[in-house]
């Protein structure tokens, strides 16, 4: 076997190693995309669940406010009076 034959074998082996490396790279990139896709699906599911929860809470609070507007006004007035009384007592104690 002459020098040209050995060079041909070295070249063929080198190309085979490069082909395996490219194949491995393609498989790893495919797995990376699959993992990213799964992560995106999980995030989308969390966002969707949060949106549904927020919508239900908003609807519930709106219903409570609409049905009990009078009671909420009374509670607001009492809370304002209590807070005002608390602060006025604190002002008196400082003097």
N, C-alpha and C. Protein backbone atom coordinates (compact mmCIF):
# COMPACT_ATOMS: atom_id res chain seq x y z
N UNK A 1 0.85 -1.17 0.00
CA UNK A 1 0.00 0.00 0.00
C UNK A 1 0.90 1.23 0.00
N UNK A 2 0.60 2.12 -0.91
CA UNK A 2 1.43 3.31 -1.07
C UNK A 2 0.94 4.46 -0.18
N UNK A 3 1.65 5.55 -0.24
CA UNK A 3 1.29 6.72 0.57
C UNK A 3 -0.10 7.26 0.21
N UNK A 4 -0.51 7.15 -1.02
CA UNK A 4 -1.84 7.63 -1.42
C UNK A 4 -2.95 6.80 -0.79
N UNK A 5 -2.72 5.50 -0.62
CA UNK A 5 -3.72 4.62 -0.01
C UNK A 5 -3.92 4.90 1.45
N UNK A 6 -2.81 5.16 2.16
CA UNK A 6 -2.90 5.48 3.59
C UNK A 6 -3.60 6.83 3.78
N UNK A 7 -3.31 7.79 2.94
CA UNK A 7 -3.96 9.10 3.03
C UNK A 7 -5.45 8.98 2.76
N UNK A 8 -5.82 8.10 1.83
CA UNK A 8 -7.23 7.88 1.53
C UNK A 8 -7.94 7.27 2.73
N UNK A 9 -7.31 6.31 3.39
CA UNK A 9 -7.91 5.69 4.57
C UNK A 9 -8.07 6.72 5.69
N UNK A 10 -7.02 7.54 5.92
CA UNK A 10 -7.10 8.57 6.96
C UNK A 10 -8.22 9.55 6.65
N UNK A 11 -8.35 9.93 5.39
CA UNK A 11 -9.40 10.87 4.98
C UNK A 11 -10.79 10.24 5.18
N UNK A 12 -10.93 8.97 4.83
CA UNK A 12 -12.21 8.29 4.97
C UNK A 12 -12.60 8.17 6.44
N UNK A 13 -11.62 7.82 7.29
CA UNK A 13 -11.90 7.71 8.73
C UNK A 13 -12.26 9.08 9.30
N UNK A 14 -11.56 10.11 8.86
CA UNK A 14 -11.86 11.47 9.32
C UNK A 14 -13.27 11.88 8.93
N UNK A 15 -13.66 11.58 7.70
CA UNK A 15 -15.02 11.91 7.26
C UNK A 15 -16.06 11.11 8.04
N UNK A 16 -15.73 9.85 8.38
CA UNK A 16 -16.65 9.04 9.18
C UNK A 16 -16.83 9.63 10.58
N UNK A 17 -15.73 10.08 11.18
CA UNK A 17 -15.81 10.71 12.51
C UNK A 17 -16.63 11.99 12.44
N UNK A 18 -16.41 12.78 11.42
CA UNK A 18 -17.19 14.02 11.24
C UNK A 18 -18.67 13.69 11.05
N UNK A 19 -18.98 12.67 10.28
CA UNK A 19 -20.38 12.27 10.06
C UNK A 19 -21.03 11.85 11.37
N UNK A 20 -20.32 11.06 12.19
CA UNK A 20 -20.87 10.66 13.50
C UNK A 20 -21.08 11.89 14.40
N UNK A 21 -20.12 12.82 14.36
CA UNK A 21 -20.24 14.02 15.19
C UNK A 21 -21.44 14.86 14.77
N UNK A 22 -21.64 15.00 13.46
CA UNK A 22 -22.80 15.75 12.98
C UNK A 22 -24.11 15.05 13.34
N UNK A 23 -24.13 13.73 13.23
CA UNK A 23 -25.33 12.98 13.61
C UNK A 23 -25.64 13.15 15.09
N UNK A 24 -24.61 13.08 15.94
CA UNK A 24 -24.80 13.27 17.38
C UNK A 24 -25.30 14.69 17.66
N UNK A 25 -24.73 15.68 16.96
CA UNK A 25 -25.16 17.07 17.13
C UNK A 25 -26.63 17.23 16.77
N UNK A 26 -27.05 16.62 15.67
CA UNK A 26 -28.44 16.72 15.24
C UNK A 26 -29.38 16.09 16.27
N UNK A 27 -28.98 14.94 16.82
CA UNK A 27 -29.81 14.28 17.84
C UNK A 27 -29.91 15.14 19.09
N UNK A 28 -28.78 15.72 19.53
CA UNK A 28 -28.78 16.56 20.75
C UNK A 28 -29.62 17.83 20.55
N UNK A 29 -29.50 18.45 19.38
CA UNK A 29 -30.30 19.65 19.10
C UNK A 29 -31.79 19.30 19.08
N UNK A 30 -32.12 18.14 18.51
CA UNK A 30 -33.52 17.70 18.50
C UNK A 30 -34.04 17.49 19.91
N UNK A 31 -33.24 16.90 20.78
CA UNK A 31 -33.65 16.71 22.18
C UNK A 31 -33.79 18.05 22.89
N UNK A 32 -32.89 18.98 22.60
CA UNK A 32 -32.97 20.31 23.20
C UNK A 32 -34.28 20.99 22.81
N UNK A 33 -34.63 20.91 21.53
CA UNK A 33 -35.89 21.50 21.08
C UNK A 33 -37.08 20.83 21.75
N UNK A 34 -37.01 19.53 21.94
CA UNK A 34 -38.10 18.82 22.61
C UNK A 34 -38.24 19.28 24.05
N UNK A 35 -37.11 19.45 24.75
CA UNK A 35 -37.15 19.93 26.12
C UNK A 35 -37.70 21.34 26.20
N UNK A 36 -37.28 22.20 25.27
CA UNK A 36 -37.79 23.58 25.24
C UNK A 36 -39.29 23.57 24.98
N UNK A 37 -39.72 22.71 24.06
CA UNK A 37 -41.15 22.63 23.75
C UNK A 37 -41.95 22.19 24.97
N UNK A 38 -41.44 21.22 25.71
CA UNK A 38 -42.12 20.76 26.93
C UNK A 38 -42.18 21.88 27.97
N UNK A 39 -41.09 22.64 28.10
CA UNK A 39 -41.07 23.76 29.04
C UNK A 39 -42.09 24.81 28.64
N UNK A 40 -42.16 25.10 27.36
CA UNK A 40 -43.14 26.09 26.88
C UNK A 40 -44.55 25.60 27.13
N UNK A 41 -44.82 24.33 26.92
CA UNK A 41 -46.14 23.78 27.18
C UNK A 41 -46.49 23.90 28.66
N UNK A 42 -45.52 23.64 29.55
CA UNK A 42 -45.76 23.74 30.98
C UNK A 42 -46.06 25.19 31.37
N UNK A 43 -45.29 26.12 30.84
CA UNK A 43 -45.51 27.54 31.14
C UNK A 43 -46.88 27.97 30.62
N UNK A 44 -47.23 27.54 29.42
CA UNK A 44 -48.54 27.89 28.87
C UNK A 44 -49.67 27.34 29.73
N UNK A 45 -49.49 26.13 30.24
CA UNK A 45 -50.51 25.52 31.11
C UNK A 45 -50.66 26.32 32.40
N UNK A 46 -49.53 26.72 32.98
CA UNK A 46 -49.57 27.52 34.21
C UNK A 46 -50.26 28.86 33.96
N UNK A 47 -49.91 29.51 32.86
CA UNK A 47 -50.51 30.80 32.52
C UNK A 47 -52.01 30.64 32.30
N UNK A 48 -52.41 29.61 31.60
CA UNK A 48 -53.83 29.37 31.33
C UNK A 48 -54.59 29.13 32.63
N UNK A 49 -54.02 28.32 33.52
CA UNK A 49 -54.65 28.04 34.80
C UNK A 49 -54.77 29.32 35.63
N UNK A 50 -53.72 30.13 35.63
CA UNK A 50 -53.75 31.40 36.37
C UNK A 50 -54.79 32.34 35.80
N UNK A 51 -54.89 32.40 34.48
CA UNK A 51 -55.91 33.25 33.86
C UNK A 51 -57.32 32.80 34.25
N UNK A 52 -57.56 31.50 34.24
CA UNK A 52 -58.87 30.99 34.63
C UNK A 52 -59.17 31.32 36.09
N UNK A 53 -58.20 31.13 36.97
CA UNK A 53 -58.38 31.43 38.39
C UNK A 53 -58.67 32.91 38.59
N UNK A 54 -57.90 33.77 37.93
CA UNK A 54 -58.11 35.22 38.05
C UNK A 54 -59.49 35.61 37.55
N UNK A 55 -59.91 35.03 36.46
CA UNK A 55 -61.23 35.34 35.91
C UNK A 55 -62.33 34.92 36.87
N UNK A 56 -62.20 33.74 37.46
CA UNK A 56 -63.21 33.27 38.42
C UNK A 56 -63.24 34.15 39.66
N UNK A 57 -62.06 34.55 40.15
CA UNK A 57 -62.01 35.42 41.32
C UNK A 57 -62.63 36.77 41.02
N UNK A 58 -62.34 37.32 39.85
CA UNK A 58 -62.91 38.61 39.46
C UNK A 58 -64.42 38.52 39.37
N UNK A 59 -64.92 37.46 38.77
CA UNK A 59 -66.37 37.27 38.67
C UNK A 59 -67.00 37.15 40.05
N UNK A 60 -66.36 36.41 40.94
CA UNK A 60 -66.90 36.23 42.29
C UNK A 60 -66.92 37.54 43.05
N UNK A 61 -65.83 38.29 42.99
CA UNK A 61 -65.77 39.58 43.69
C UNK A 61 -66.78 40.56 43.12
N UNK A 62 -66.93 40.57 41.81
CA UNK A 62 -67.91 41.46 41.18
C UNK A 62 -69.32 41.11 41.63
N UNK A 63 -69.62 39.82 41.69
CA UNK A 63 -70.94 39.38 42.14
C UNK A 63 -71.19 39.79 43.58
N UNK A 64 -70.17 39.60 44.44
CA UNK A 64 -70.33 39.98 45.85
C UNK A 64 -70.57 41.48 45.97
N UNK A 65 -69.82 42.26 45.23
CA UNK A 65 -69.98 43.72 45.30
C UNK A 65 -71.34 44.14 44.80
N UNK A 66 -71.79 43.55 43.70
CA UNK A 66 -73.08 43.93 43.14
C UNK A 66 -74.25 43.54 44.05
N UNK A 67 -74.18 42.36 44.66
CA UNK A 67 -75.28 41.89 45.50
C UNK A 67 -75.29 42.54 46.88
N UNK A 68 -74.13 42.90 47.39
CA UNK A 68 -74.04 43.40 48.76
C UNK A 68 -73.49 44.82 48.81
N UNK A 69 -73.91 45.67 47.90
CA UNK A 69 -73.38 47.03 47.84
C UNK A 69 -73.71 47.79 49.12
N UNK A 70 -74.91 47.64 49.65
CA UNK A 70 -75.31 48.35 50.87
C UNK A 70 -74.48 47.92 52.07
N UNK A 71 -74.28 46.62 52.21
CA UNK A 71 -73.50 46.11 53.33
C UNK A 71 -72.06 46.59 53.24
N UNK A 72 -71.51 46.60 52.03
CA UNK A 72 -70.13 47.06 51.86
C UNK A 72 -69.99 48.54 52.18
N UNK A 73 -71.01 49.35 51.86
CA UNK A 73 -70.96 50.77 52.20
C UNK A 73 -70.95 50.96 53.71
N UNK A 74 -71.78 50.17 54.41
CA UNK A 74 -71.82 50.26 55.87
C UNK A 74 -70.47 49.83 56.45
N UNK A 75 -69.91 48.73 55.94
CA UNK A 75 -68.61 48.27 56.44
C UNK A 75 -67.52 49.30 56.15
N UNK A 76 -67.56 49.92 55.00
CA UNK A 76 -66.60 50.96 54.67
C UNK A 76 -66.70 52.15 55.58
N UNK A 77 -67.93 52.54 55.89
CA UNK A 77 -68.15 53.66 56.81
C UNK A 77 -67.62 53.32 58.19
N UNK A 78 -67.93 52.09 58.67
CA UNK A 78 -67.44 51.68 59.99
C UNK A 78 -65.92 51.63 60.02
N UNK A 79 -65.31 51.11 58.96
CA UNK A 79 -63.85 51.03 58.91
C UNK A 79 -63.24 52.43 58.91
N UNK A 80 -63.83 53.35 58.18
CA UNK A 80 -63.33 54.72 58.14
C UNK A 80 -63.45 55.37 59.52
N UNK A 81 -64.58 55.14 60.16
CA UNK A 81 -64.78 55.71 61.50
C UNK A 81 -63.79 55.12 62.48
N UNK A 82 -63.55 53.81 62.41
CA UNK A 82 -62.62 53.16 63.32
C UNK A 82 -61.20 53.67 63.11
N UNK A 83 -60.78 53.77 61.87
CA UNK A 83 -59.42 54.24 61.57
C UNK A 83 -59.28 55.69 61.99
N UNK A 84 -60.28 56.51 61.72
CA UNK A 84 -60.24 57.91 62.14
C UNK A 84 -60.16 58.05 63.64
N UNK A 85 -60.92 57.23 64.37
CA UNK A 85 -60.91 57.26 65.82
C UNK A 85 -59.54 56.81 66.34
N UNK A 86 -58.97 55.81 65.72
CA UNK A 86 -57.67 55.29 66.15
C UNK A 86 -56.60 56.36 65.99
N UNK A 87 -56.61 57.05 64.84
CA UNK A 87 -55.61 58.09 64.61
C UNK A 87 -55.85 59.30 65.51
N UNK A 88 -57.10 59.64 65.77
CA UNK A 88 -57.36 60.79 66.63
C UNK A 88 -56.92 60.50 68.05
N UNK A 89 -57.07 59.26 68.55
CA UNK A 89 -56.58 58.89 69.87
C UNK A 89 -55.07 58.97 69.95
N UNK A 90 -54.39 58.58 68.86
CA UNK A 90 -52.94 58.62 68.83
C UNK A 90 -52.46 60.07 68.87
N UNK A 91 -53.20 60.96 68.19
CA UNK A 91 -52.83 62.38 68.21
C UNK A 91 -52.98 62.95 69.62
N UNK A 92 -54.01 62.55 70.33
CA UNK A 92 -54.25 63.05 71.68
C UNK A 92 -53.15 62.58 72.65
N UNK A 93 -52.68 61.35 72.47
CA UNK A 93 -51.67 60.80 73.38
C UNK A 93 -50.33 61.52 73.18
N UNK A 94 -50.03 62.00 72.00
CA UNK A 94 -48.78 62.71 71.74
C UNK A 94 -48.79 64.09 72.38
N UNK A 95 -49.96 64.69 72.48
CA UNK A 95 -50.03 66.07 73.02
C UNK A 95 -49.78 66.12 74.47
